[in-house]
Amino acid sequence: MADHLLLGIDTGGTYTDAVLYSETRGVVARAKALTTRHDLAVGISGAVEAVLTEAQVPVAAIGLVSLSTTLATNALVEGQGGRAGLVMIGFSPDDLKRDGLADALGNDPVLFLPGGHNVHGNETPLDMAALDEALPLLSETVSSFAVAGYFAVRNPAHEQRVRDRIRAVSHLPVTCSHELSSKLGGPRRALTTLLNARLVSMIDRLIGACEDYLQRRGIHVPMMVVRGDGALISAAEARLRPIETILSGPAASLVGARHLTGLDNAVVSDIGGTTTDVAVLDNGRPKLDSEGAVVGGYRTMVEAVAMRTFGLGGDSEVRINDRGLKAKIDLGPRRFMPLSLASALHPEAVVPVLERQLRAPHMGRHDGRFAVRTGVPERLASGLTAQEQALYEKIGATPLPLDGLLLSTPQKATLDRLVARGLVHICGITPSDAMHVLGGQGQWDAVAARLGL
């Protein structure tokens, strides 16, 4: 009987990797393609087509597809994700002060409804009047909803009624806290639910892009997604609970490191474009965090690999910090599009601007930096303020220098909000550019990297 091949796909912030693996022969072929934010299927198909070409095998040889990703982790580390509406049932505004919930909520809307249950599951009557009043307008300014009820793990009835009402009016995705965790601790459960709601559209797009590509290529086999503890879940489950895919990329790295090295006990460091993740193999298994995964400074209720995630990678922002007595270079945690990559993708847009800036008698505060749309679907740009909308309309699919785009100081904060929403990339100097100048990398435009530095 022919040896069935396993197709692994990993979508990171910068690259999408594909690998064909045989249980008898090991790694058969591997390939990389740039992750394409505007249409993730482009990067996925680029990597998979390259791996199929290298292996010279028919698609019928593939028996299973497994997907891992750092998109969810990266979004939380960089403070990105869709705008979510949080509905708290039976909680008071004071509860926002616990477990970092207010900080995580930021400027996203929150509604407090009377209701909820006590520790025995007995209810306080639910009043949805405030919800009915707010929903028509709210539905146009968010991309999803999170619902958290007091003691919902004892009785989820109020969460379910609120969820059904929101779905009927808004037709948007809704995450309920009782679906994610059965642990007590309302504010932390609400935090986990809010983060899940923010990630729904991103993971939905990734899984959809992968499924569409596999369908087109005639690869009709089960597709699984790696969970944060290294286990596999179905694509349908990952769509409902994308928060479970946080740390899925690093969890897959741990399992891979165990397989490649044969070591039972090891410290594994996974350095990508956006983050560096450090975790431990303990007696041949990933060490898990029983308290819940910490990502982007927030402790969630997701059981995942015990890991430290730092916003530090090949595409981290390089900043000159001159506030102290001595200027120093700071890295991260924001991910930039490297100048060398921006120039490779848009040859006419970057180098002439850098040359113009270098000829100027004084260095401008925005020199060497550009803005470009990420290319995500227009519906994800809902709920922008008038200032955000005006600036967003100026930015297009070609990198625009910040010295011409930002004409006043407040516009810098407006741009940062567009970046946080995942709508705009900043292009600037990164360690990847330094690698191009040092000769350690050569796939993009070294000229732009040198000019930027």
Protein backbone atom coordinates (compact mmCIF):
# COMPACT_ATOMS: atom_id res chain seq x y z
CA MET A 1 0.00 0.00 0.00
CA ALA A 2 1.25 3.49 -0.93
CA ASP A 3 2.60 5.64 1.90
CA HIS A 4 0.08 8.42 2.69
CA LEU A 5 1.68 11.86 2.94
CA LEU A 6 0.75 14.44 5.56
CA LEU A 7 0.63 18.10 4.45
CA GLY A 8 1.54 20.62 7.14
CA ILE A 9 0.87 24.36 6.63
CA ASP A 10 2.03 27.08 9.03
CA THR A 11 0.87 30.66 8.43
CA GLY A 12 3.06 33.15 10.27
CA GLY A 13 3.15 36.94 10.27
CA THR A 14 5.78 37.04 7.51
CA TYR A 15 6.00 33.61 5.89
CA THR A 16 3.67 30.71 5.15
CA ASP A 17 5.52 27.38 5.31
CA ALA A 18 4.45 24.06 3.83
CA VAL A 19 5.93 20.63 4.42
CA LEU A 20 5.13 17.15 3.09
CA TYR A 21 5.84 14.45 5.64
CA SER A 22 5.90 10.67 5.38
CA GLU A 23 5.63 8.51 8.49
CA THR A 24 8.19 6.12 6.99
CA ARG A 25 10.53 8.52 5.17
CA GLY A 26 10.29 11.69 7.31
CA VAL A 27 10.29 15.13 5.64
CA VAL A 28 9.78 14.67 1.88
CA ALA A 29 9.76 18.34 0.83
CA ARG A 30 9.43 21.82 2.33
CA ALA A 31 8.86 25.32 0.93
CA LYS A 32 8.13 28.95 1.92
CA ALA A 33 6.03 31.75 0.48
CA LEU A 34 5.25 35.23 1.80
CA THR A 35 2.10 35.44 3.92
CA THR A 36 -0.36 37.58 1.93
CA ARG A 37 -2.59 39.47 4.39
CA HIS A 38 -5.01 40.76 1.74
CA ASP A 39 -5.76 37.19 0.59
CA LEU A 40 -4.22 34.45 2.73
CA ALA A 41 -4.99 31.85 0.02
CA VAL A 42 -2.28 33.38 -2.21
CA GLY A 43 0.49 32.66 0.32
CA ILE A 44 -0.95 29.23 1.15
CA SER A 45 -1.16 28.19 -2.51
CA GLY A 46 2.35 29.56 -3.17
CA ALA A 47 3.87 27.43 -0.40
CA VAL A 48 1.85 24.27 -1.14
CA GLU A 49 2.40 24.44 -4.92
CA ALA A 50 6.15 24.79 -4.33
CA VAL A 51 6.21 21.79 -2.00
CA LEU A 52 4.20 19.63 -4.42
CA THR A 53 6.52 20.59 -7.27
CA GLU A 54 9.61 19.76 -5.22
CA ALA A 55 8.21 16.39 -4.10
CA GLN A 56 6.83 15.50 -7.56
CA VAL A 57 3.83 13.76 -6.03
CA PRO A 58 0.12 13.75 -7.02
CA VAL A 59 -2.38 15.41 -4.67
CA ALA A 60 -4.05 11.99 -4.25
CA ALA A 61 -1.02 10.96 -2.13
CA ILE A 62 -2.05 13.42 0.65
CA GLY A 63 -4.06 11.82 3.47
CA LEU A 64 -4.35 14.65 6.02
CA VAL A 65 -3.82 18.42 6.19
CA SER A 66 -2.72 20.09 9.44
CA LEU A 67 -2.68 23.87 9.91
CA SER A 68 -0.84 25.85 12.56
CA THR A 69 -0.58 29.61 12.82
CA THR A 70 0.86 32.48 14.82
CA LEU A 71 -1.67 34.99 13.44
CA ALA A 72 -3.76 34.88 16.64
CA THR A 73 -0.70 35.18 18.93
CA ASN A 74 0.74 38.01 16.83
CA ALA A 75 -2.57 39.90 16.89
CA LEU A 76 -2.71 39.77 20.70
CA VAL A 77 0.98 40.70 21.13
CA GLU A 78 0.62 43.66 18.77
CA GLY A 79 -2.76 44.68 20.21
CA GLN A 80 -4.56 43.93 16.95
CA GLY A 81 -7.79 42.16 16.04
CA GLY A 82 -11.31 43.09 15.03
CA ARG A 83 -13.44 45.56 17.02
CA ALA A 84 -15.67 43.56 19.40
CA GLY A 85 -18.70 44.54 21.47
CA LEU A 86 -18.65 43.14 25.03
CA VAL A 87 -21.97 42.39 26.77
CA MET A 88 -21.66 41.83 30.55
CA ILE A 89 -24.72 40.24 32.24
CA GLY A 90 -25.00 40.75 36.01
CA PHE A 91 -21.59 42.44 36.33
CA SER A 92 -20.88 46.03 37.40
CA PRO A 93 -18.45 48.53 35.78
CA ASP A 94 -16.10 47.90 38.73
CA ASP A 95 -15.55 44.35 37.44
CA LEU A 96 -13.70 45.83 34.44
CA LYS A 97 -10.85 46.74 36.80
CA ARG A 98 -10.04 43.06 37.44
CA ASP A 99 -7.72 40.78 35.43
CA GLY A 100 -6.72 43.56 33.00
CA LEU A 101 -10.19 43.58 31.41
CA ALA A 102 -10.46 47.40 31.06
CA ASP A 103 -6.99 47.54 29.52
CA ALA A 104 -7.84 44.77 27.04
CA LEU A 105 -11.17 46.40 26.17
CA GLY A 106 -9.50 49.68 25.14
CA ASN A 107 -11.98 51.76 23.12
CA ASP A 108 -14.27 48.85 22.23
CA PRO A 109 -17.90 49.25 23.40
CA VAL A 110 -19.23 47.51 26.54
CA LEU A 111 -22.87 47.05 27.69
CA PHE A 112 -23.99 46.08 31.21
CA LEU A 113 -27.31 44.21 31.49
CA PRO A 114 -29.17 43.27 34.71
CA GLY A 115 -29.29 39.47 35.08
CA GLY A 116 -26.95 36.56 35.73
CA HIS A 117 -27.02 33.73 38.25
CA ASN A 118 -25.68 32.93 41.68
CA VAL A 119 -23.33 30.10 42.66
CA HIS A 120 -26.29 27.67 42.85
CA GLY A 121 -27.51 28.56 39.35
CA ASN A 122 -30.51 30.61 40.54
CA GLU A 123 -31.22 33.66 38.37
CA THR A 124 -31.58 37.39 38.73
CA PRO A 125 -34.18 38.38 36.05
CA LEU A 126 -32.55 39.29 32.72
CA ASP A 127 -33.42 42.71 31.25
CA MET A 128 -32.45 43.14 27.59
CA ALA A 129 -33.91 46.64 27.08
CA ALA A 130 -30.46 48.32 26.89
CA LEU A 131 -29.29 45.68 24.41
CA ASP A 132 -32.32 46.14 22.13
CA GLU A 133 -31.77 49.90 22.15
CA ALA A 134 -28.02 49.70 21.36
CA LEU A 135 -27.93 46.80 18.88
CA PRO A 136 -28.96 48.51 15.59
CA LEU A 137 -26.15 51.09 15.83
CA LEU A 138 -23.64 48.79 17.55
CA SER A 139 -23.98 46.14 14.82
CA GLU A 140 -22.58 48.61 12.29
CA THR A 141 -19.46 49.48 14.30
CA VAL A 142 -18.14 46.07 15.46
CA SER A 143 -17.14 42.86 13.65
CA SER A 144 -18.19 40.46 16.44
CA PHE A 145 -19.64 40.22 19.98
CA ALA A 146 -18.49 38.68 23.28
CA VAL A 147 -21.07 37.75 25.94
CA ALA A 148 -20.16 37.06 29.59
CA GLY A 149 -22.75 36.27 32.27
CA TYR A 150 -22.34 36.19 36.06
CA PHE A 151 -21.86 32.50 37.05
CA ALA A 152 -22.68 31.44 33.46
CA VAL A 153 -20.65 28.28 34.05
CA ARG A 154 -23.35 27.27 36.59
CA ASN A 155 -26.23 28.25 34.27
CA PRO A 156 -25.62 29.56 30.72
CA ALA A 157 -29.28 30.40 29.95
CA HIS A 158 -28.85 34.21 30.00
CA GLU A 159 -25.76 34.10 27.77
CA GLN A 160 -27.69 31.93 25.30
CA ARG A 161 -30.70 34.28 25.22
CA VAL A 162 -28.47 37.34 24.68
CA ARG A 163 -26.47 35.48 22.00
CA ASP A 164 -29.65 34.52 20.11
CA ARG A 165 -30.96 38.12 20.21
CA ILE A 166 -27.63 39.54 18.95
CA ARG A 167 -27.44 37.00 16.13
CA ALA A 168 -31.04 37.66 15.05
CA VAL A 169 -30.47 41.42 14.79
CA SER A 170 -26.81 41.72 13.72
CA HIS A 171 -26.00 38.39 11.95
CA LEU A 172 -22.46 38.77 13.38
CA PRO A 173 -20.37 36.11 15.18
CA VAL A 174 -21.05 35.87 18.93
CA THR A 175 -18.81 34.14 21.51
CA CYS A 176 -20.25 33.12 24.90
CA SER A 177 -17.98 32.71 27.90
CA HIS A 178 -19.44 29.32 28.96
CA GLU A 179 -18.38 27.89 25.55
CA LEU A 180 -14.71 28.63 26.23
CA SER A 181 -14.17 27.69 29.86
CA SER A 182 -15.96 25.97 32.74
CA LYS A 183 -13.72 27.67 35.33
CA LEU A 184 -15.00 30.26 37.80
CA GLY A 185 -13.58 33.78 37.69
CA GLY A 186 -15.97 36.01 35.73
CA PRO A 187 -13.70 38.89 34.67
CA ARG A 188 -10.94 36.56 33.38
CA ARG A 189 -13.55 34.49 31.55
CA ALA A 190 -14.92 37.75 30.05
CA LEU A 191 -11.36 38.72 29.00
CA THR A 192 -10.83 35.34 27.28
CA THR A 193 -14.21 35.72 25.53
CA LEU A 194 -13.41 39.26 24.36
CA LEU A 195 -10.04 38.19 22.90
CA ASN A 196 -11.75 35.20 21.22
CA ALA A 197 -14.35 37.51 19.62
CA ARG A 198 -11.57 39.75 18.26
CA LEU A 199 -9.84 36.80 16.61
CA VAL A 200 -12.93 35.19 15.05
CA SER A 201 -12.80 36.99 11.70
CA MET A 202 -9.01 36.54 11.34
CA ILE A 203 -9.01 32.76 11.98
CA ASP A 204 -12.21 32.36 9.94
CA ARG A 205 -10.47 34.00 6.97
CA LEU A 206 -7.40 31.78 7.40
CA ILE A 207 -9.33 28.50 7.61
CA GLY A 208 -11.64 29.59 4.79
CA ALA A 209 -8.67 30.48 2.57
CA CYS A 210 -7.06 27.12 3.29
CA GLU A 211 -10.29 25.16 2.64
CA ASP A 212 -10.98 27.06 -0.61
CA TYR A 213 -7.48 26.34 -1.90
CA LEU A 214 -7.62 22.63 -0.97
CA GLN A 215 -11.04 22.37 -2.66
CA ARG A 216 -9.72 23.98 -5.88
CA ARG A 217 -6.73 21.62 -5.91
CA GLY A 218 -8.86 18.53 -5.41
CA ILE A 219 -7.34 17.74 -1.98
CA HIS A 220 -10.45 16.28 -0.32
CA VAL A 221 -9.08 15.07 3.01
CA PRO A 222 -9.68 15.99 6.68
CA MET A 223 -8.20 19.34 7.75
CA MET A 224 -7.08 19.76 11.35
CA VAL A 225 -5.79 22.80 13.26
CA VAL A 226 -3.08 22.67 15.93
CA ARG A 227 -4.28 23.80 19.35
CA GLY A 228 -2.18 25.77 21.84
CA ASP A 229 -1.36 22.63 23.81
CA GLY A 230 -0.07 20.77 20.72
CA ALA A 231 -3.22 18.65 20.18
CA LEU A 232 -5.25 18.71 16.95
CA ILE A 233 -8.83 20.01 16.65
CA SER A 234 -11.17 20.13 13.66
CA ALA A 235 -11.30 23.24 11.50
CA ALA A 236 -14.96 23.76 12.54
CA GLU A 237 -13.98 23.78 16.24
CA ALA A 238 -11.10 26.22 15.60
CA ARG A 239 -13.53 28.58 13.85
CA LEU A 240 -15.78 28.69 16.94
CA ARG A 241 -12.91 28.90 19.44
CA PRO A 242 -10.00 30.65 17.69
CA ILE A 243 -8.57 31.60 21.12
CA GLU A 244 -7.55 27.92 21.39
CA THR A 245 -5.18 28.43 18.45
CA ILE A 246 -3.11 31.05 20.32
CA LEU A 247 0.36 29.58 20.63
CA SER A 248 -0.50 26.88 18.04
CA GLY A 249 2.56 27.79 15.93
CA PRO A 250 4.99 27.52 18.87
CA ALA A 251 3.22 24.36 20.17
CA ALA A 252 3.78 22.77 16.75
CA SER A 253 7.44 23.90 16.92
CA LEU A 254 7.83 22.13 20.28
CA VAL A 255 6.41 18.89 18.92
CA GLY A 256 8.65 19.26 15.85
CA ALA A 257 11.75 19.97 17.96
CA ARG A 258 11.07 16.82 20.00
CA HIS A 259 10.80 14.78 16.79
CA LEU A 260 13.85 16.28 15.09
CA THR A 261 16.21 16.14 18.08
CA GLY A 262 14.94 13.05 19.86
CA LEU A 263 15.45 14.94 23.15
CA ASP A 264 12.96 14.45 25.98
CA ASN A 265 14.05 17.51 27.97
CA ALA A 266 14.93 20.77 26.26
CA VAL A 267 14.37 24.52 26.15
CA VAL A 268 13.08 25.46 22.71
CA SER A 269 13.28 28.98 21.27
CA ASP A 270 11.20 29.75 18.19
CA ILE A 271 12.14 33.05 16.51
CA GLY A 272 9.78 34.29 13.82
CA GLY A 273 9.09 37.56 12.06
CA THR A 274 6.94 39.01 14.87
CA THR A 275 7.67 37.13 18.10
CA THR A 276 10.23 35.01 19.92
CA ASP A 277 8.64 32.17 21.87
CA VAL A 278 10.49 30.18 24.54
CA ALA A 279 9.02 26.93 25.92
CA VAL A 280 10.07 23.71 27.63
CA LEU A 281 9.96 20.02 26.70
CA ASP A 282 9.47 18.04 29.89
CA ASN A 283 9.81 14.23 29.67
CA GLY A 284 9.05 14.34 25.95
CA ARG A 285 5.88 16.43 26.28
CA PRO A 286 5.25 20.18 26.04
CA LYS A 287 5.05 21.65 29.56
CA LEU A 288 1.56 23.14 29.93
CA ASP A 289 0.47 26.23 31.87
CA SER A 290 -2.30 25.12 34.23
CA GLU A 291 -3.12 28.75 35.09
CA GLY A 292 -3.85 29.60 31.45
CA ALA A 293 -1.74 31.00 28.60
CA VAL A 294 -0.32 34.52 28.93
CA VAL A 295 -0.23 36.38 25.61
CA GLY A 296 0.25 40.09 25.03
CA GLY A 297 0.38 40.60 28.82
CA TYR A 298 -3.09 39.06 29.42
CA ARG A 299 -3.62 35.82 31.32
CA THR A 300 -6.36 33.88 29.54
CA MET A 301 -8.27 30.74 30.53
CA VAL A 302 -6.85 28.78 27.60
CA GLU A 303 -4.85 25.69 28.48
CA ALA A 304 -1.75 25.93 26.33
CA VAL A 305 1.97 25.41 26.30
CA ALA A 306 3.75 27.17 29.18
CA MET A 307 5.56 29.81 27.20
CA ARG A 308 7.09 33.25 27.31
CA THR A 309 6.21 35.25 24.20
CA PHE A 310 8.24 38.39 23.44
CA GLY A 311 7.37 40.92 20.73
CA LEU A 312 10.77 40.47 19.14
CA GLY A 313 11.51 39.00 15.71
CA GLY A 314 13.09 39.53 12.32
CA ASP A 315 10.51 42.18 11.40
CA SER A 316 10.45 44.07 14.71
CA GLU A 317 10.41 47.87 14.65
CA VAL A 318 13.87 49.43 15.15
CA ARG A 319 13.61 52.72 17.08
CA ILE A 320 16.18 55.25 18.18
CA ASN A 321 15.35 56.08 21.81
CA ASP A 322 17.06 59.44 22.56
CA ARG A 323 15.12 60.39 25.69
CA GLY A 324 17.94 59.51 28.13
CA LEU A 325 21.45 60.92 28.43
CA LYS A 326 22.62 58.37 25.86
CA ALA A 327 20.65 57.42 22.76
CA LYS A 328 20.05 53.71 22.32
CA ILE A 329 18.38 51.37 19.86
CA ASP A 330 15.11 49.72 20.92
CA LEU A 331 13.48 46.74 19.21
CA GLY A 332 9.79 45.75 19.03
CA PRO A 333 7.16 44.90 19.99
CA ARG A 334 5.44 46.16 16.82
CA ARG A 335 6.01 44.30 13.59
CA PHE A 336 6.95 46.44 10.57
CA MET A 337 7.08 45.49 6.94
CA PRO A 338 10.85 45.57 6.22
CA LEU A 339 11.90 48.31 3.78
CA SER A 340 13.70 45.66 1.72
CA LEU A 341 10.42 43.72 1.34
CA ALA A 342 8.30 46.83 0.68
CA SER A 343 10.72 47.82 -2.08
CA ALA A 344 10.78 44.31 -3.57
CA LEU A 345 6.96 44.36 -3.76
CA HIS A 346 6.74 48.01 -4.94
CA PRO A 347 10.01 48.77 -6.80
CA GLU A 348 9.20 52.39 -7.76
CA ALA A 349 7.66 53.50 -4.46
CA VAL A 350 10.45 53.17 -1.89
CA VAL A 351 14.01 53.80 -3.16
CA PRO A 352 13.35 57.21 -4.83
CA VAL A 353 11.72 58.48 -1.60
CA LEU A 354 14.64 57.26 0.57
CA GLU A 355 17.10 58.97 -1.82
CA ARG A 356 15.09 62.23 -1.62
CA GLN A 357 15.07 62.07 2.20
CA LEU A 358 18.84 61.45 2.32
CA ARG A 359 19.47 64.55 0.15
CA ALA A 360 17.55 66.81 2.57
CA PRO A 361 19.77 69.03 4.81
CA HIS A 362 18.00 67.84 8.00
CA MET A 363 16.62 64.47 8.96
CA GLY A 364 12.81 64.41 9.29
CA ARG A 365 11.16 62.60 12.19
CA HIS A 366 9.26 60.30 9.80
CA ASP A 367 12.14 59.60 7.38
CA GLY A 368 12.48 56.00 6.26
CA ARG A 369 8.89 55.11 7.15
CA PHE A 370 5.90 54.39 4.92
CA ALA A 371 2.26 53.33 5.32
CA VAL A 372 0.43 50.81 3.14
CA ARG A 373 -2.94 49.08 3.47
CA THR A 374 -2.82 45.45 4.62
CA GLY A 375 -5.54 44.73 2.06
CA VAL A 376 -8.03 43.04 4.42
CA PRO A 377 -11.71 43.06 3.29
CA GLU A 378 -13.45 46.46 3.50
CA ARG A 379 -16.05 45.20 6.03
CA LEU A 380 -13.27 44.92 8.64
CA ALA A 381 -12.84 48.71 8.42
CA SER A 382 -16.29 49.32 9.97
CA GLY A 383 -16.67 51.71 12.90
CA LEU A 384 -13.82 54.09 12.03
CA THR A 385 -14.02 57.66 13.36
CA ALA A 386 -14.13 60.53 10.86
CA GLN A 387 -10.37 61.21 11.34
CA GLU A 388 -9.50 57.51 10.97
CA GLN A 389 -11.66 57.18 7.84
CA ALA A 390 -10.09 60.28 6.25
CA LEU A 391 -6.54 59.04 6.86
CA TYR A 392 -7.41 55.47 5.79
CA GLU A 393 -8.74 56.79 2.46
CA LYS A 394 -5.42 58.54 1.76
CA ILE A 395 -3.47 55.29 2.25
CA GLY A 396 -3.55 52.89 -0.67
CA ALA A 397 -2.07 49.61 -1.90
CA THR A 398 1.30 51.31 -2.63
CA PRO A 399 3.56 52.45 0.26
CA LEU A 400 3.15 56.18 1.00
CA PRO A 401 5.94 58.06 2.87
CA LEU A 402 4.87 59.22 6.32
CA ASP A 403 6.51 62.63 5.82
CA GLY A 404 3.84 63.41 3.21
CA LEU A 405 0.98 61.57 4.90
CA LEU A 406 1.18 62.88 8.50
CA LEU A 407 0.72 66.63 8.45
CA SER A 408 -0.07 67.11 12.17
CA THR A 409 0.94 65.45 15.45
CA PRO A 410 -2.55 63.99 16.26
CA GLN A 411 -2.49 62.13 12.92
CA LYS A 412 0.31 59.91 14.28
CA ALA A 413 -2.07 58.56 16.97
CA THR A 414 -4.77 58.10 14.31
CA LEU A 415 -2.35 56.07 12.17
CA ASP A 416 -1.40 53.94 15.19
CA ARG A 417 -5.08 53.08 15.69
CA LEU A 418 -5.39 51.97 12.04
CA VAL A 419 -2.30 49.76 12.53
CA ALA A 420 -3.80 48.31 15.75
CA ARG A 421 -6.99 47.43 13.83
CA GLY A 422 -4.86 45.43 11.34
CA LEU A 423 -5.87 47.75 8.47
CA VAL A 424 -2.46 49.36 7.79
CA HIS A 425 1.18 48.21 7.82
CA ILE A 426 4.03 50.57 8.69
CA CYS A 427 7.12 49.91 6.53
CA GLY A 428 10.45 50.73 8.16
CA ILE A 429 13.85 49.45 9.24
CA THR A 430 13.90 45.98 10.85
CA PRO A 431 16.55 43.35 11.73
CA SER A 432 15.64 41.68 8.39
CA ASP A 433 16.92 44.83 6.63
CA ALA A 434 20.14 44.69 8.67
CA MET A 435 20.54 41.06 7.55
CA HIS A 436 20.27 42.18 3.92
CA VAL A 437 23.02 44.77 4.46
CA LEU A 438 25.23 42.21 6.26
CA GLY A 439 24.71 39.64 3.48
CA GLY A 440 22.87 37.14 5.70
CA GLN A 441 19.68 37.47 3.64
CA GLY A 442 19.26 38.25 -0.03
CA GLN A 443 15.71 37.55 -1.15
CA TRP A 444 14.46 41.16 -1.12
CA ASP A 445 15.91 44.60 -2.04
CA ALA A 446 19.25 45.21 -0.28
CA VAL A 447 19.51 48.70 -1.83
CA ALA A 448 16.42 49.91 0.05
CA ALA A 449 17.71 48.32 3.25
CA ARG A 450 21.06 50.10 2.95
CA LEU A 451 19.43 53.48 2.21
CA GLY A 452 17.05 53.05 5.15
CA LEU A 453 19.83 52.22 7.58
